[in-house]
Amino acid sequence: MSETTFHCNGRLAITVEPREMRMSHWLYAPLVVDQHRQQTLLDLSGSQWDLISTTNETAGAIDLLLRKYPGDKPTLILNVNLDDGRLRLDGRCVDPSGLEAALDLALS
């Protein structure tokens, strides 16, 4: 069953649908939607990327702490900026269509 949480004063919806990867190993791949613009900012559902937590939340931005399953690599921080609708990984803008590739590249 999917779970949705709201952030940035209700403007941002983060939905995860827990998937059991193997016994007692759960993955929470996020779908992030800007509620004001009705725009999907990122969709990692169905991927191997796991939302560990959110941090540094303001009215206009939030950081997502992500880890790639099975969790043997470092975590990454992806910044979601609602003011300009951009995603940033290590300070660099990332196109949502190439997000998974950019995340994978950041791990190497």
PDB file of N, CA and C in Angstrom:
ATOM      1  N   MET A   1       0.842  -1.172   0.000  1.00  0.00           N
ATOM      2  CA  MET A   1       0.000   0.000   0.000  1.00  0.00           C
ATOM      3  C   MET A   1       0.888   1.236   0.000  1.00  0.00           C
ATOM      4  N   SER A   2       0.605   2.162  -0.900  1.00  0.00           N
ATOM      5  CA  SER A   2       1.433   3.360  -1.015  1.00  0.00           C
ATOM      6  C   SER A   2       1.214   4.294   0.176  1.00  0.00           C
ATOM      7  N   GLU A   3       2.254   5.072   0.445  1.00  0.00           N
ATOM      8  CA  GLU A   3       2.230   6.040   1.541  1.00  0.00           C
ATOM      9  C   GLU A   3       2.621   7.393   0.972  1.00  0.00           C
ATOM     10  N   THR A   4       1.843   8.421   1.275  1.00  0.00           N
ATOM     11  CA  THR A   4       2.148   9.769   0.802  1.00  0.00           C
ATOM     12  C   THR A   4       2.359  10.683   1.994  1.00  0.00           C
ATOM     13  N   THR A   5       3.434  11.459   1.930  1.00  0.00           N
ATOM     14  CA  THR A   5       3.699  12.481   2.939  1.00  0.00           C
ATOM     15  C   THR A   5       3.795  13.820   2.222  1.00  0.00           C
ATOM     16  N   PHE A   6       3.470  14.886   2.952  1.00  0.00           N
ATOM     17  CA  PHE A   6       3.490  16.223   2.372  1.00  0.00           C
ATOM     18  C   PHE A   6       4.577  17.042   3.049  1.00  0.00           C
ATOM     19  N   HIS A   7       5.258  17.830   2.249  1.00  0.00           N
ATOM     20  CA  HIS A   7       6.401  18.616   2.714  1.00  0.00           C
ATOM     21  C   HIS A   7       6.323  20.018   2.134  1.00  0.00           C
ATOM     22  N   CYS A   8       7.204  20.874   2.592  1.00  0.00           N
ATOM     23  CA  CYS A   8       7.313  22.250   2.084  1.00  0.00           C
ATOM     24  C   CYS A   8       5.958  22.954   2.153  1.00  0.00           C
ATOM     25  N   ASN A   9       5.402  22.962   3.343  1.00  0.00           N
ATOM     26  CA  ASN A   9       4.102  23.596   3.605  1.00  0.00           C
ATOM     27  C   ASN A   9       2.986  22.993   2.752  1.00  0.00           C
ATOM     28  N   GLY A  10       3.063  21.698   2.513  1.00  0.00           N
ATOM     29  CA  GLY A  10       2.022  20.994   1.766  1.00  0.00           C
ATOM     30  C   GLY A  10       2.157  21.067   0.265  1.00  0.00           C
ATOM     31  N   ARG A  11       3.148  21.768  -0.207  1.00  0.00           N
ATOM     32  CA  ARG A  11       3.305  21.941  -1.656  1.00  0.00           C
ATOM     33  C   ARG A  11       3.855  20.701  -2.341  1.00  0.00           C
ATOM     34  N   LEU A  12       4.628  19.919  -1.636  1.00  0.00           N
ATOM     35  CA  LEU A  12       5.306  18.771  -2.224  1.00  0.00           C
ATOM     36  C   LEU A  12       4.739  17.480  -1.659  1.00  0.00           C
ATOM     37  N   ALA A  13       4.357  16.579  -2.536  1.00  0.00           N
ATOM     38  CA  ALA A  13       3.871  15.259  -2.123  1.00  0.00           C
ATOM     39  C   ALA A  13       4.921  14.225  -2.503  1.00  0.00           C
ATOM     40  N   ILE A  14       5.309  13.418  -1.524  1.00  0.00           N
ATOM     41  CA  ILE A  14       6.248  12.321  -1.774  1.00  0.00           C
ATOM     42  C   ILE A  14       5.499  11.026  -1.502  1.00  0.00           C
ATOM     43  N   THR A  15       5.385  10.220  -2.542  1.00  0.00           N
ATOM     44  CA  THR A  15       4.684   8.950  -2.432  1.00  0.00           C
ATOM     45  C   THR A  15       5.671   7.810  -2.617  1.00  0.00           C
ATOM     46  N   VAL A  16       5.588   6.833  -1.745  1.00  0.00           N
ATOM     47  CA  VAL A  16       6.385   5.616  -1.874  1.00  0.00           C
ATOM     48  C   VAL A  16       5.439   4.423  -1.778  1.00  0.00           C
ATOM     49  N   GLU A  17       5.766   3.409  -2.523  1.00  0.00           N
ATOM     50  CA  GLU A  17       5.032   2.155  -2.418  1.00  0.00           C
ATOM     51  C   GLU A  17       6.030   1.106  -1.974  1.00  0.00           C
ATOM     52  N   PRO A  18       5.978   0.712  -0.706  1.00  0.00           N
ATOM     53  CA  PRO A  18       6.966  -0.240  -0.187  1.00  0.00           C
ATOM     54  C   PRO A  18       6.964  -1.540  -0.987  1.00  0.00           C
ATOM     55  N   ARG A  19       8.176  -1.979  -1.346  1.00  0.00           N
ATOM     56  CA  ARG A  19       8.349  -3.263  -2.034  1.00  0.00           C
ATOM     57  C   ARG A  19       9.339  -4.088  -1.240  1.00  0.00           C
ATOM     58  N   GLU A  20       8.994  -5.311  -0.989  1.00  0.00           N
ATOM     59  CA  GLU A  20       9.912  -6.206  -0.291  1.00  0.00           C
ATOM     60  C   GLU A  20      10.846  -6.804  -1.323  1.00  0.00           C
ATOM     61  N   MET A  21      12.126  -6.454  -1.230  1.00  0.00           N
ATOM     62  CA  MET A  21      13.116  -6.923  -2.194  1.00  0.00           C
ATOM     63  C   MET A  21      13.527  -8.363  -1.888  1.00  0.00           C
ATOM     64  N   ARG A  22      13.658  -8.647  -0.643  1.00  0.00           N
ATOM     65  CA  ARG A  22      13.873  -9.999  -0.146  1.00  0.00           C
ATOM     66  C   ARG A  22      13.449  -9.980   1.311  1.00  0.00           C
ATOM     67  N   MET A  23      13.423 -11.102   1.917  1.00  0.00           N
ATOM     68  CA  MET A  23      12.878 -11.216   3.267  1.00  0.00           C
ATOM     69  C   MET A  23      13.362 -10.093   4.195  1.00  0.00           C
ATOM     70  N   SER A  24      12.433  -9.253   4.625  1.00  0.00           N
ATOM     71  CA  SER A  24      12.673  -8.146   5.562  1.00  0.00           C
ATOM     72  C   SER A  24      13.538  -7.027   4.995  1.00  0.00           C
ATOM     73  N   HIS A  25      13.756  -6.983   3.694  1.00  0.00           N
ATOM     74  CA  HIS A  25      14.485  -5.893   3.050  1.00  0.00           C
ATOM     75  C   HIS A  25      13.487  -5.123   2.195  1.00  0.00           C
ATOM     76  N   TRP A  26      13.093  -3.951   2.682  1.00  0.00           N
ATOM     77  CA  TRP A  26      12.073  -3.156   2.016  1.00  0.00           C
ATOM     78  C   TRP A  26      12.695  -1.987   1.278  1.00  0.00           C
ATOM     79  N   LEU A  27      12.108  -1.651   0.150  1.00  0.00           N
ATOM     80  CA  LEU A  27      12.568  -0.545  -0.693  1.00  0.00           C
ATOM     81  C   LEU A  27      11.430   0.468  -0.805  1.00  0.00           C
ATOM     82  N   TYR A  28      11.769   1.753  -0.683  1.00  0.00           N
ATOM     83  CA  TYR A  28      10.791   2.832  -0.748  1.00  0.00           C
ATOM     84  C   TYR A  28      11.205   3.807  -1.851  1.00  0.00           C
ATOM     85  N   ALA A  29      10.948   3.457  -3.091  1.00  0.00           N
ATOM     86  CA  ALA A  29      11.314   4.297  -4.232  1.00  0.00           C
ATOM     87  C   ALA A  29      10.310   5.453  -4.354  1.00  0.00           C
ATOM     88  N   PRO A  30      10.803   6.697  -4.411  1.00  0.00           N
ATOM     89  CA  PRO A  30       9.899   7.847  -4.332  1.00  0.00           C
ATOM     90  C   PRO A  30       9.354   8.348  -5.679  1.00  0.00           C
ATOM     91  N   LEU A  31       8.169   8.897  -5.587  1.00  0.00           N
ATOM     92  CA  LEU A  31       7.531   9.689  -6.635  1.00  0.00           C
ATOM     93  C   LEU A  31       7.270  11.043  -5.998  1.00  0.00           C
ATOM     94  N   VAL A  32       7.803  12.116  -6.593  1.00  0.00           N
ATOM     95  CA  VAL A  32       7.715  13.451  -5.992  1.00  0.00           C
ATOM     96  C   VAL A  32       6.935  14.373  -6.930  1.00  0.00           C
ATOM     97  N   VAL A  33       5.870  14.970  -6.397  1.00  0.00           N
ATOM     98  CA  VAL A  33       4.982  15.815  -7.204  1.00  0.00           C
ATOM     99  C   VAL A  33       4.828  17.183  -6.556  1.00  0.00           C
ATOM    100  N   ASP A  34       5.001  18.232  -7.374  1.00  0.00           N
ATOM    101  CA  ASP A  34       4.721  19.598  -6.950  1.00  0.00           C
ATOM    102  C   ASP A  34       3.208  19.771  -7.036  1.00  0.00           C
ATOM    103  N   GLN A  35       2.552  19.907  -5.892  1.00  0.00           N
ATOM    104  CA  GLN A  35       1.098  19.982  -5.828  1.00  0.00           C
ATOM    105  C   GLN A  35       0.538  21.266  -6.444  1.00  0.00           C
ATOM    106  N   HIS A  36       1.288  22.376  -6.378  1.00  0.00           N
ATOM    107  CA  HIS A  36       0.796  23.634  -6.945  1.00  0.00           C
ATOM    108  C   HIS A  36       0.801  23.598  -8.462  1.00  0.00           C
ATOM    109  N   ARG A  37       1.841  23.046  -9.039  1.00  0.00           N
ATOM    110  CA  ARG A  37       1.963  22.985 -10.507  1.00  0.00           C
ATOM    111  C   ARG A  37       1.384  21.702 -11.087  1.00  0.00           C
ATOM    112  N   GLN A  38       1.018  20.754 -10.214  1.00  0.00           N
ATOM    113  CA  GLN A  38       0.583  19.423 -10.661  1.00  0.00           C
ATOM    114  C   GLN A  38       1.615  18.834 -11.628  1.00  0.00           C
ATOM    115  N   GLN A  39       2.886  18.899 -11.187  1.00  0.00           N
ATOM    116  CA  GLN A  39       4.008  18.468 -12.012  1.00  0.00           C
ATOM    117  C   GLN A  39       4.822  17.416 -11.262  1.00  0.00           C
ATOM    118  N   THR A  40       5.086  16.300 -11.934  1.00  0.00           N
ATOM    119  CA  THR A  40       5.966  15.286 -11.369  1.00  0.00           C
ATOM    120  C   THR A  40       7.397  15.782 -11.505  1.00  0.00           C
ATOM    121  N   LEU A  41       8.066  15.942 -10.376  1.00  0.00           N
ATOM    122  CA  LEU A  41       9.448  16.421 -10.383  1.00  0.00           C
ATOM    123  C   LEU A  41      10.435  15.277 -10.532  1.00  0.00           C
ATOM    124  N   LEU A  42      10.099  14.133  -9.940  1.00  0.00           N
ATOM    125  CA  LEU A  42      10.930  12.951 -10.128  1.00  0.00           C
ATOM    126  C   LEU A  42      10.101  11.710  -9.863  1.00  0.00           C
ATOM    127  N   ASP A  43      10.446  10.670 -10.597  1.00  0.00           N
ATOM    128  CA  ASP A  43       9.733   9.405 -10.442  1.00  0.00           C
ATOM    129  C   ASP A  43      10.757   8.274 -10.446  1.00  0.00           C
ATOM    130  N   LEU A  44      11.054   7.786  -9.258  1.00  0.00           N
ATOM    131  CA  LEU A  44      11.979   6.654  -9.124  1.00  0.00           C
ATOM    132  C   LEU A  44      11.216   5.388  -8.754  1.00  0.00           C
ATOM    133  N   SER A  45       9.888   5.445  -8.831  1.00  0.00           N
ATOM    134  CA  SER A  45       9.099   4.245  -8.529  1.00  0.00           C
ATOM    135  C   SER A  45       9.461   3.161  -9.532  1.00  0.00           C
ATOM    136  N   GLY A  46       9.567   1.967  -9.055  1.00  0.00           N
ATOM    137  CA  GLY A  46       9.976   0.855  -9.903  1.00  0.00           C
ATOM    138  C   GLY A  46      11.487   0.732 -10.057  1.00  0.00           C
ATOM    139  N   SER A  47      12.233   1.681  -9.496  1.00  0.00           N
ATOM    140  CA  SER A  47      13.698   1.629  -9.594  1.00  0.00           C
ATOM    141  C   SER A  47      14.281   0.936  -8.357  1.00  0.00           C
ATOM    142  N   GLN A  48      15.580   0.874  -8.308  1.00  0.00           N
ATOM    143  CA  GLN A  48      16.292   0.303  -7.170  1.00  0.00           C
ATOM    144  C   GLN A  48      16.697   1.374  -6.155  1.00  0.00           C
ATOM    145  N   TRP A  49      16.211   2.621  -6.351  1.00  0.00           N
ATOM    146  CA  TRP A  49      16.563   3.716  -5.451  1.00  0.00           C
ATOM    147  C   TRP A  49      15.584   3.802  -4.299  1.00  0.00           C
ATOM    148  N   ASP A  50      16.136   3.909  -3.103  1.00  0.00           N
ATOM    149  CA  ASP A  50      15.389   3.860  -1.853  1.00  0.00           C
ATOM    150  C   ASP A  50      15.464   5.222  -1.164  1.00  0.00           C
ATOM    151  N   LEU A  51      14.316   5.773  -0.805  1.00  0.00           N
ATOM    152  CA  LEU A  51      14.283   7.018  -0.047  1.00  0.00           C
ATOM    153  C   LEU A  51      14.513   6.693   1.425  1.00  0.00           C
ATOM    154  N   ILE A  52      15.653   7.113   1.938  1.00  0.00           N
ATOM    155  CA  ILE A  52      16.017   6.859   3.328  1.00  0.00           C
ATOM    156  C   ILE A  52      15.343   7.884   4.242  1.00  0.00           C
ATOM    157  N   SER A  53      15.445   9.163   3.860  1.00  0.00           N
ATOM    158  CA  SER A  53      14.842  10.221   4.672  1.00  0.00           C
ATOM    159  C   SER A  53      14.834  11.525   3.893  1.00  0.00           C
ATOM    160  N   THR A  54      14.215  12.534   4.490  1.00  0.00           N
ATOM    161  CA  THR A  54      14.245  13.890   3.953  1.00  0.00           C
ATOM    162  C   THR A  54      14.957  14.761   4.979  1.00  0.00           C
ATOM    163  N   THR A  55      15.645  15.796   4.493  1.00  0.00           N
ATOM    164  CA  THR A  55      16.362  16.716   5.384  1.00  0.00           C
ATOM    165  C   THR A  55      16.311  18.125   4.814  1.00  0.00           C
ATOM    166  N   ASN A  56      16.742  19.075   5.603  1.00  0.00           N
ATOM    167  CA  ASN A  56      16.883  20.476   5.185  1.00  0.00           C
ATOM    168  C   ASN A  56      15.639  21.011   4.483  1.00  0.00           C
ATOM    169  N   GLU A  57      14.491  20.721   5.048  1.00  0.00           N
ATOM    170  CA  GLU A  57      13.231  21.156   4.439  1.00  0.00           C
ATOM    171  C   GLU A  57      12.965  22.627   4.723  1.00  0.00           C
ATOM    172  N   THR A  58      12.635  23.367   3.660  1.00  0.00           N
ATOM    173  CA  THR A  58      12.193  24.757   3.765  1.00  0.00           C
ATOM    174  C   THR A  58      10.879  24.861   2.996  1.00  0.00           C
ATOM    175  N   ALA A  59      10.336  26.064   2.907  1.00  0.00           N
ATOM    176  CA  ALA A  59       9.093  26.246   2.148  1.00  0.00           C
ATOM    177  C   ALA A  59       9.310  26.009   0.656  1.00  0.00           C
ATOM    178  N   GLY A  60      10.558  26.156   0.189  1.00  0.00           N
ATOM    179  CA  GLY A  60      10.812  26.053  -1.248  1.00  0.00           C
ATOM    180  C   GLY A  60      11.748  24.951  -1.686  1.00  0.00           C
ATOM    181  N   ALA A  61      12.226  24.126  -0.761  1.00  0.00           N
ATOM    182  CA  ALA A  61      13.181  23.087  -1.162  1.00  0.00           C
ATOM    183  C   ALA A  61      13.256  21.993  -0.099  1.00  0.00           C
ATOM    184  N   ILE A  62      13.788  20.866  -0.516  1.00  0.00           N
ATOM    185  CA  ILE A  62      13.986  19.744   0.391  1.00  0.00           C
ATOM    186  C   ILE A  62      15.108  18.873  -0.155  1.00  0.00           C
ATOM    187  N   ASP A  63      15.848  18.247   0.716  1.00  0.00           N
ATOM    188  CA  ASP A  63      16.871  17.281   0.326  1.00  0.00           C
ATOM    189  C   ASP A  63      16.332  15.877   0.559  1.00  0.00           C
ATOM    190  N   LEU A  64      16.556  15.002  -0.423  1.00  0.00           N
ATOM    191  CA  LEU A  64      16.183  13.601  -0.304  1.00  0.00           C
ATOM    192  C   LEU A  64      17.447  12.777  -0.133  1.00  0.00           C
ATOM    193  N   LEU A  65      17.503  11.982   0.898  1.00  0.00           N
ATOM    194  CA  LEU A  65      18.629  11.094   1.129  1.00  0.00           C
ATOM    195  C   LEU A  65      18.274   9.761   0.474  1.00  0.00           C
ATOM    196  N   LEU A  66      19.028   9.402  -0.568  1.00  0.00           N
ATOM    197  CA  LEU A  66      18.733   8.210  -1.371  1.00  0.00           C
ATOM    198  C   LEU A  66      19.860   7.198  -1.285  1.00  0.00           C
ATOM    199  N   ARG A  67      19.483   5.930  -1.369  1.00  0.00           N
ATOM    200  CA  ARG A  67      20.456   4.838  -1.375  1.00  0.00           C
ATOM    201  C   ARG A  67      19.998   3.842  -2.434  1.00  0.00           C
ATOM    202  N   LYS A  68      20.950   3.288  -3.156  1.00  0.00           N
ATOM    203  CA  LYS A  68      20.600   2.287  -4.155  1.00  0.00           C
ATOM    204  C   LYS A  68      20.658   0.905  -3.522  1.00  0.00           C
ATOM    205  N   TYR A  69      19.591   0.154  -3.742  1.00  0.00           N
ATOM    206  CA  TYR A  69      19.526  -1.214  -3.235  1.00  0.00           C
ATOM    207  C   TYR A  69      20.616  -2.033  -3.909  1.00  0.00           C
ATOM    208  N   PRO A  70      21.372  -2.837  -3.145  1.00  0.00           N
ATOM    209  CA  PRO A  70      21.106  -3.373  -1.819  1.00  0.00           C
ATOM    210  C   PRO A  70      21.705  -2.572  -0.665  1.00  0.00           C
ATOM    211  N   GLY A  71      22.203  -1.375  -0.925  1.00  0.00           N
ATOM    212  CA  GLY A  71      22.687  -0.530   0.159  1.00  0.00           C
ATOM    213  C   GLY A  71      24.161  -0.674   0.458  1.00  0.00           C
ATOM    214  N   ASP A  72      24.909  -1.219  -0.481  1.00  0.00           N
ATOM    215  CA  ASP A  72      26.340  -1.408  -0.254  1.00  0.00           C
ATOM    216  C   ASP A  72      27.175  -0.242  -0.783  1.00  0.00           C
ATOM    217  N   LYS A  73      26.518   0.795  -1.269  1.00  0.00           N
ATOM    218  CA  LYS A  73      27.192   2.005  -1.764  1.00  0.00           C
ATOM    219  C   LYS A  73      26.780   3.178  -0.879  1.00  0.00           C
ATOM    220  N   PRO A  74      27.522   4.282  -0.950  1.00  0.00           N
ATOM    221  CA  PRO A  74      27.176   5.446  -0.119  1.00  0.00           C
ATOM    222  C   PRO A  74      25.808   6.024  -0.493  1.00  0.00           C
ATOM    223  N   THR A  75      25.225   6.748   0.430  1.00  0.00           N
ATOM    224  CA  THR A  75      23.975   7.451   0.155  1.00  0.00           C
ATOM    225  C   THR A  75      24.274   8.734  -0.619  1.00  0.00           C
ATOM    226  N   LEU A  76      23.272   9.214  -1.331  1.00  0.00           N
ATOM    227  CA  LEU A  76      23.394  10.456  -2.088  1.00  0.00           C
ATOM    228  C   LEU A  76      22.319  11.420  -1.617  1.00  0.00           C
ATOM    229  N   ILE A  77      22.599  12.707  -1.752  1.00  0.00           N
ATOM    230  CA  ILE A  77      21.613  13.727  -1.410  1.00  0.00           C
ATOM    231  C   ILE A  77      21.179  14.419  -2.692  1.00  0.00           C
ATOM    232  N   LEU A  78      19.888  14.366  -2.946  1.00  0.00           N
ATOM    233  CA  LEU A  78      19.285  15.013  -4.104  1.00  0.00           C
ATOM    234  C   LEU A  78      18.440  16.172  -3.595  1.00  0.00           C
ATOM    235  N   ASN A  79      18.745  17.376  -4.079  1.00  0.00           N
ATOM    236  CA  ASN A  79      17.995  18.556  -3.677  1.00  0.00           C
ATOM    237  C   ASN A  79      16.858  18.789  -4.671  1.00  0.00           C
ATOM    238  N   VAL A  80      15.658  18.972  -4.138  1.00  0.00           N
ATOM    239  CA  VAL A  80      14.479  19.301  -4.943  1.00  0.00           C
ATOM    240  C   VAL A  80      14.122  20.743  -4.624  1.00  0.00           C
ATOM    241  N   ASN A  81      14.218  21.621  -5.635  1.00  0.00           N
ATOM    242  CA  ASN A  81      13.943  23.034  -5.441  1.00  0.00           C
ATOM    243  C   ASN A  81      12.612  23.371  -6.096  1.00  0.00           C
ATOM    244  N   LEU A  82      11.650  23.776  -5.307  1.00  0.00           N
ATOM    245  CA  LEU A  82      10.324  24.085  -5.830  1.00  0.00           C
ATOM    246  C   LEU A  82      10.261  25.452  -6.508  1.00  0.00           C
ATOM    247  N   ASP A  83      11.124  26.365  -6.111  1.00  0.00           N
ATOM    248  CA  ASP A  83      11.088  27.706  -6.693  1.00  0.00           C
ATOM    249  C   ASP A  83      11.423  27.685  -8.181  1.00  0.00           C
ATOM    250  N   ASP A  84      12.410  26.884  -8.559  1.00  0.00           N
ATOM    251  CA  ASP A  84      12.767  26.817  -9.982  1.00  0.00           C
ATOM    252  C   ASP A  84      12.453  25.457 -10.614  1.00  0.00           C
ATOM    253  N   GLY A  85      11.936  24.508  -9.804  1.00  0.00           N
ATOM    254  CA  GLY A  85      11.562  23.196 -10.333  1.00  0.00           C
ATOM    255  C   GLY A  85      12.742  22.321 -10.707  1.00  0.00           C
ATOM    256  N   ARG A  86      13.910  22.620 -10.185  1.00  0.00           N
ATOM    257  CA  ARG A  86      15.125  21.882 -10.565  1.00  0.00           C
ATOM    258  C   ARG A  86      15.532  20.860  -9.514  1.00  0.00           C
ATOM    259  N   LEU A  87      16.207  19.832 -10.009  1.00  0.00           N
ATOM    260  CA  LEU A  87      16.823  18.819  -9.160  1.00  0.00           C
ATOM    261  C   LEU A  87      18.319  19.067  -9.191  1.00  0.00           C
ATOM    262  N   ARG A  88      18.949  18.949  -8.030  1.00  0.00           N
ATOM    263  CA  ARG A  88      20.401  19.146  -7.969  1.00  0.00           C
ATOM    264  C   ARG A  88      21.046  17.991  -7.218  1.00  0.00           C
ATOM    265  N   LEU A  89      22.103  17.504  -7.814  1.00  0.00           N
ATOM    266  CA  LEU A  89      22.894  16.425  -7.236  1.00  0.00           C
ATOM    267  C   LEU A  89      24.319  16.945  -7.133  1.00  0.00           C
ATOM    268  N   ASP A  90      24.830  17.034  -5.924  1.00  0.00           N
ATOM    269  CA  ASP A  90      26.159  17.614  -5.684  1.00  0.00           C
ATOM    270  C   ASP A  90      26.265  19.015  -6.281  1.00  0.00           C
ATOM    271  N   GLY A  91      25.176  19.797  -6.199  1.00  0.00           N
ATOM    272  CA  GLY A  91      25.189  21.166  -6.680  1.00  0.00           C
ATOM    273  C   GLY A  91      24.959  21.329  -8.173  1.00  0.00           C
ATOM    274  N   ARG A  92      24.935  20.237  -8.919  1.00  0.00           N
ATOM    275  CA  ARG A  92      24.743  20.300 -10.370  1.00  0.00           C
ATOM    276  C   ARG A  92      23.300  19.972 -10.722  1.00  0.00           C
ATOM    277  N   CYS A  93      22.736  20.729 -11.644  1.00  0.00           N
ATOM    278  CA  CYS A  93      21.375  20.458 -12.097  1.00  0.00           C
ATOM    279  C   CYS A  93      21.316  19.141 -12.849  1.00  0.00           C
ATOM    280  N   VAL A  94      20.234  18.399 -12.592  1.00  0.00           N
ATOM    281  CA  VAL A  94      20.024  17.098 -13.226  1.00  0.00           C
ATOM    282  C   VAL A  94      18.669  17.124 -13.915  1.00  0.00           C
ATOM    283  N   ASP A  95      18.641  16.695 -15.165  1.00  0.00           N
ATOM    284  CA  ASP A  95      17.384  16.588 -15.885  1.00  0.00           C
ATOM    285  C   ASP A  95      16.619  15.383 -15.356  1.00  0.00           C
ATOM    286  N   PRO A  96      15.336  15.542 -15.033  1.00  0.00           N
ATOM    287  CA  PRO A  96      14.570  14.418 -14.488  1.00  0.00           C
ATOM    288  C   PRO A  96      14.569  13.178 -15.392  1.00  0.00           C
ATOM    289  N   SER A  97      14.645  13.383 -16.699  1.00  0.00           N
ATOM    290  CA  SER A  97      14.635  12.231 -17.607  1.00  0.00           C
ATOM    291  C   SER A  97      15.926  11.419 -17.516  1.00  0.00           C
ATOM    292  N   GLY A  98      16.995  12.025 -17.033  1.00  0.00           N
ATOM    293  CA  GLY A  98      18.272  11.320 -16.890  1.00  0.00           C
ATOM    294  C   GLY A  98      18.670  11.113 -15.444  1.00  0.00           C
ATOM    295  N   LEU A  99      17.692  11.207 -14.552  1.00  0.00           N
ATOM    296  CA  LEU A  99      17.998  11.164 -13.124  1.00  0.00           C
ATOM    297  C   LEU A  99      18.645   9.856 -12.701  1.00  0.00           C
ATOM    298  N   GLU A 100      18.075   8.730 -13.079  1.00  0.00           N
ATOM    299  CA  GLU A 100      18.661   7.433 -12.649  1.00  0.00           C
ATOM    300  C   GLU A 100      20.094   7.290 -13.126  1.00  0.00           C
ATOM    301  N   ALA A 101      20.357   7.686 -14.362  1.00  0.00           N
ATOM    302  CA  ALA A 101      21.721   7.599 -14.896  1.00  0.00           C
ATOM    303  C   ALA A 101      22.664   8.515 -14.121  1.00  0.00           C
ATOM    304  N   ALA A 102      22.201   9.721 -13.790  1.00  0.00           N
ATOM    305  CA  ALA A 102      23.033  10.659 -13.008  1.00  0.00           C
ATOM    306  C   ALA A 102      23.309  10.117 -11.618  1.00  0.00           C
ATOM    307  N   LEU A 103      22.304   9.509 -10.990  1.00  0.00           N
ATOM    308  CA  LEU A 103      22.499   8.911  -9.662  1.00  0.00           C
ATOM    309  C   LEU A 103      23.504   7.771  -9.735  1.00  0.00           C
ATOM    310  N   ASP A 104      23.354   6.905 -10.745  1.00  0.00           N
ATOM    311  CA  ASP A 104      24.291   5.789 -10.905  1.00  0.00           C
ATOM    312  C   ASP A 104      25.708   6.295 -11.142  1.00  0.00           C
ATOM    313  N   LEU A 105      25.849   7.329 -11.959  1.00  0.00           N
ATOM    314  CA  LEU A 105      27.167   7.895 -12.249  1.00  0.00           C
ATOM    315  C   LEU A 105      27.796   8.477 -10.983  1.00  0.00           C
ATOM    316  N   ALA A 106      26.992   9.085 -10.138  1.00  0.00           N
ATOM    317  CA  ALA A 106      27.503   9.665  -8.890  1.00  0.00           C
ATOM    318  C   ALA A 106      28.052   8.612  -7.942  1.00  0.00           C
ATOM    319  N   LEU A 107      27.591   7.373  -8.095  1.00  0.00           N
ATOM    320  CA  LEU A 107      28.090   6.291  -7.235  1.00  0.00           C
ATOM    321  C   LEU A 107      29.429   5.744  -7.697  1.00  0.00           C
ATOM    322  N   SER A 108      29.771   5.994  -8.956  1.00  0.00           N
ATOM    323  CA  SER A 108      31.024   5.388  -9.467  1.00  0.00           C
ATOM    324  C   SER A 108      32.235   6.250  -9.199  1.00  0.00           C
TER     325      SER A 108
END
